[in-house]
Amino acid sequence: MVTTKERQDLRQELVSRGYSWEYVDEWQPKVTLYRHAALLNASGEEIKPAGTAVKGLPGNPDYALKKSRLGMLPFPPSDTCSCRWCGNNAAEDVKVEEPEPEFKPSTRTLASALCPDCSFKVTAATQSGAASKMRAHIKTHS
């Protein structure tokens, strides 16, 4: 059972993270949360970028508070967002000024196949891809 003090602390922390004052009393069973912090794997590579919507999460205030501490909030990130993650991203964007890499055209060759019936030519990145496209083309002859 949650005491009044715990309930008020929960309410105040949720409000400080962007939730409405009534959320503790009127929460929905399922909510959509937006990532304000990118999800990283153990080696530091980005798995899910900031701004990704995660639908169907429990709306329980305790759960919402735990997720808000991890950078998942009920509104999408924006330039006017004052959360610590959006503030950090804006600061990082200002600091980083790297020159754009030069465009180098790919010299990769494409695989191709020729239709024996109508001389239609298909191209793909791999030989198996070209064969798959050819099978789909041949079905149009029937």
Protein backbone atom coordinates (compact mmCIF):
# COMPACT_ATOMS: atom_id res chain seq x y z
CA MET A 1 0.00 0.00 0.00
CA VAL A 2 1.33 3.41 -0.98
CA THR A 3 1.32 6.08 1.72
CA THR A 4 0.23 9.65 1.10
CA LYS A 5 3.83 10.86 1.37
CA GLU A 6 5.03 8.32 -1.24
CA ARG A 7 2.13 9.24 -3.52
CA GLN A 8 2.96 12.96 -3.29
CA ASP A 9 6.67 12.29 -3.94
CA LEU A 10 5.75 10.17 -6.96
CA ARG A 11 3.41 12.89 -8.24
CA GLN A 12 6.03 15.64 -7.80
CA GLU A 13 8.75 13.67 -9.58
CA LEU A 14 6.44 12.81 -12.50
CA VAL A 15 5.39 16.46 -12.83
CA SER A 16 9.05 17.52 -12.85
CA ARG A 17 9.60 15.15 -15.79
CA GLY A 18 6.73 16.53 -17.90
CA TYR A 19 3.68 14.52 -16.79
CA SER A 20 0.42 16.21 -15.81
CA TRP A 21 -0.51 16.69 -12.14
CA GLU A 22 -3.51 14.34 -12.51
CA TYR A 23 -1.48 11.45 -13.98
CA VAL A 24 -1.20 9.60 -10.66
CA ASP A 25 -5.00 9.61 -10.26
CA GLU A 26 -6.12 9.15 -13.88
CA TRP A 27 -3.46 7.03 -15.64
CA GLN A 28 -4.30 4.95 -18.70
CA PRO A 29 -3.67 1.17 -18.77
CA LYS A 30 -1.45 1.42 -21.89
CA VAL A 31 0.58 4.40 -23.09
CA THR A 32 3.00 5.39 -25.83
CA LEU A 33 6.38 6.68 -24.68
CA TYR A 34 9.01 8.40 -26.82
CA ARG A 35 12.74 7.90 -26.45
CA HIS A 36 14.51 11.14 -25.59
CA ALA A 37 17.75 9.22 -25.08
CA ALA A 38 18.98 6.79 -27.72
CA LEU A 39 19.02 3.11 -26.73
CA LEU A 40 22.59 1.79 -26.77
CA ASN A 41 23.90 -1.78 -26.62
CA ALA A 42 26.74 -2.92 -24.35
CA SER A 43 29.43 -1.79 -26.80
CA GLY A 44 27.94 1.71 -27.08
CA GLU A 45 26.37 1.33 -30.53
CA GLU A 46 22.98 2.98 -31.06
CA ILE A 47 20.17 0.44 -31.40
CA LYS A 48 17.14 2.75 -31.32
CA PRO A 49 17.53 6.48 -32.03
CA ALA A 50 16.02 9.28 -29.95
CA GLY A 51 12.46 10.07 -31.06
CA THR A 52 11.42 6.43 -31.52
CA ALA A 53 7.88 5.73 -30.25
CA VAL A 54 7.36 2.69 -28.03
CA LYS A 55 3.68 1.74 -27.97
CA GLY A 56 1.63 -0.38 -25.59
CA LEU A 57 3.68 0.13 -22.42
CA PRO A 58 2.03 -0.06 -18.98
CA GLY A 59 0.69 3.31 -17.83
CA ASN A 60 1.23 2.61 -14.13
CA PRO A 61 2.77 5.72 -12.49
CA ASP A 62 5.59 3.69 -10.89
CA TYR A 63 6.52 2.21 -14.28
CA ALA A 64 6.23 5.60 -15.98
CA LEU A 65 8.60 7.10 -13.41
CA LYS A 66 11.17 4.33 -13.93
CA LYS A 67 11.04 4.82 -17.70
CA SER A 68 11.24 8.62 -17.39
CA ARG A 69 14.52 8.20 -15.50
CA LEU A 70 15.80 6.28 -18.56
CA GLY A 71 14.76 8.99 -21.03
CA MET A 72 11.34 7.70 -22.12
CA LEU A 73 8.64 10.37 -21.83
CA PRO A 74 4.99 10.69 -23.00
CA PHE A 75 5.78 13.38 -25.58
CA PRO A 76 8.19 13.33 -28.54
CA PRO A 77 11.53 15.14 -28.26
CA SER A 78 11.71 18.61 -29.77
CA ASP A 79 13.86 21.73 -29.86
CA THR A 80 11.79 23.25 -27.05
CA CYS A 81 11.99 20.16 -24.83
CA SER A 82 13.71 20.93 -21.53
CA CYS A 83 14.55 17.37 -20.47
CA ARG A 84 18.16 16.57 -19.71
CA TRP A 85 18.54 14.31 -22.77
CA CYS A 86 17.29 16.84 -25.31
CA GLY A 87 19.44 19.50 -23.64
CA ASN A 88 22.47 17.23 -23.90
CA ASN A 89 21.76 16.43 -27.54
CA ALA A 90 21.50 20.13 -28.40
CA ALA A 91 24.81 20.80 -26.66
CA GLU A 92 26.47 17.90 -28.50
CA ASP A 93 25.13 19.13 -31.84
CA VAL A 94 26.69 22.55 -31.28
CA LYS A 95 30.09 21.16 -30.26
CA VAL A 96 30.51 18.71 -33.12
CA GLU A 97 31.45 20.31 -36.41
CA GLU A 98 33.03 17.69 -38.63
CA PRO A 99 33.49 18.17 -42.36
CA GLU A 100 31.28 16.04 -44.54
CA PRO A 101 33.09 13.11 -46.13
CA GLU A 102 33.69 13.28 -49.85
CA PHE A 103 31.24 11.36 -51.98
CA LYS A 104 32.85 8.31 -53.51
CA PRO A 105 30.74 6.48 -56.07
CA SER A 106 30.43 2.77 -55.57
CA THR A 107 32.30 0.59 -58.02
CA ARG A 108 30.20 -2.42 -57.14
CA THR A 109 29.04 -4.47 -60.12
CA LEU A 110 25.47 -5.62 -60.46
CA ALA A 111 24.38 -9.13 -61.28
CA SER A 112 21.98 -9.54 -64.19
CA ALA A 113 19.82 -12.20 -65.81
CA LEU A 114 18.14 -12.38 -69.24
CA CYS A 115 14.64 -13.81 -69.79
CA PRO A 116 14.77 -16.70 -72.28
CA ASP A 117 11.24 -15.97 -73.57
CA CYS A 118 11.14 -12.22 -74.12
CA SER A 119 14.77 -11.06 -73.67
CA PHE A 120 13.82 -8.93 -70.61
CA LYS A 121 16.89 -8.08 -68.53
CA VAL A 122 16.81 -7.84 -64.71
CA THR A 123 19.61 -6.52 -62.51
CA ALA A 124 20.24 -6.89 -58.80
CA ALA A 125 23.03 -6.53 -56.25
CA THR A 126 23.65 -10.29 -56.09
CA GLN A 127 23.19 -13.23 -58.42
CA SER A 128 20.56 -14.77 -56.16
CA GLY A 129 18.66 -11.46 -56.18
CA ALA A 130 18.70 -11.38 -59.97
CA ALA A 131 17.46 -14.97 -60.08
CA SER A 132 14.62 -14.09 -57.69
CA LYS A 133 13.56 -11.13 -59.84
CA MET A 134 13.70 -13.34 -62.94
CA ARG A 135 11.41 -15.94 -61.32
CA ALA A 136 8.92 -13.17 -60.53
CA HIS A 137 9.15 -11.90 -64.12
CA ILE A 138 8.64 -15.36 -65.62
CA LYS A 139 5.40 -15.74 -63.64
CA THR A 140 3.96 -12.78 -65.60
CA HIS A 141 4.19 -14.85 -68.83
CA SER A 142 1.47 -17.27 -67.67
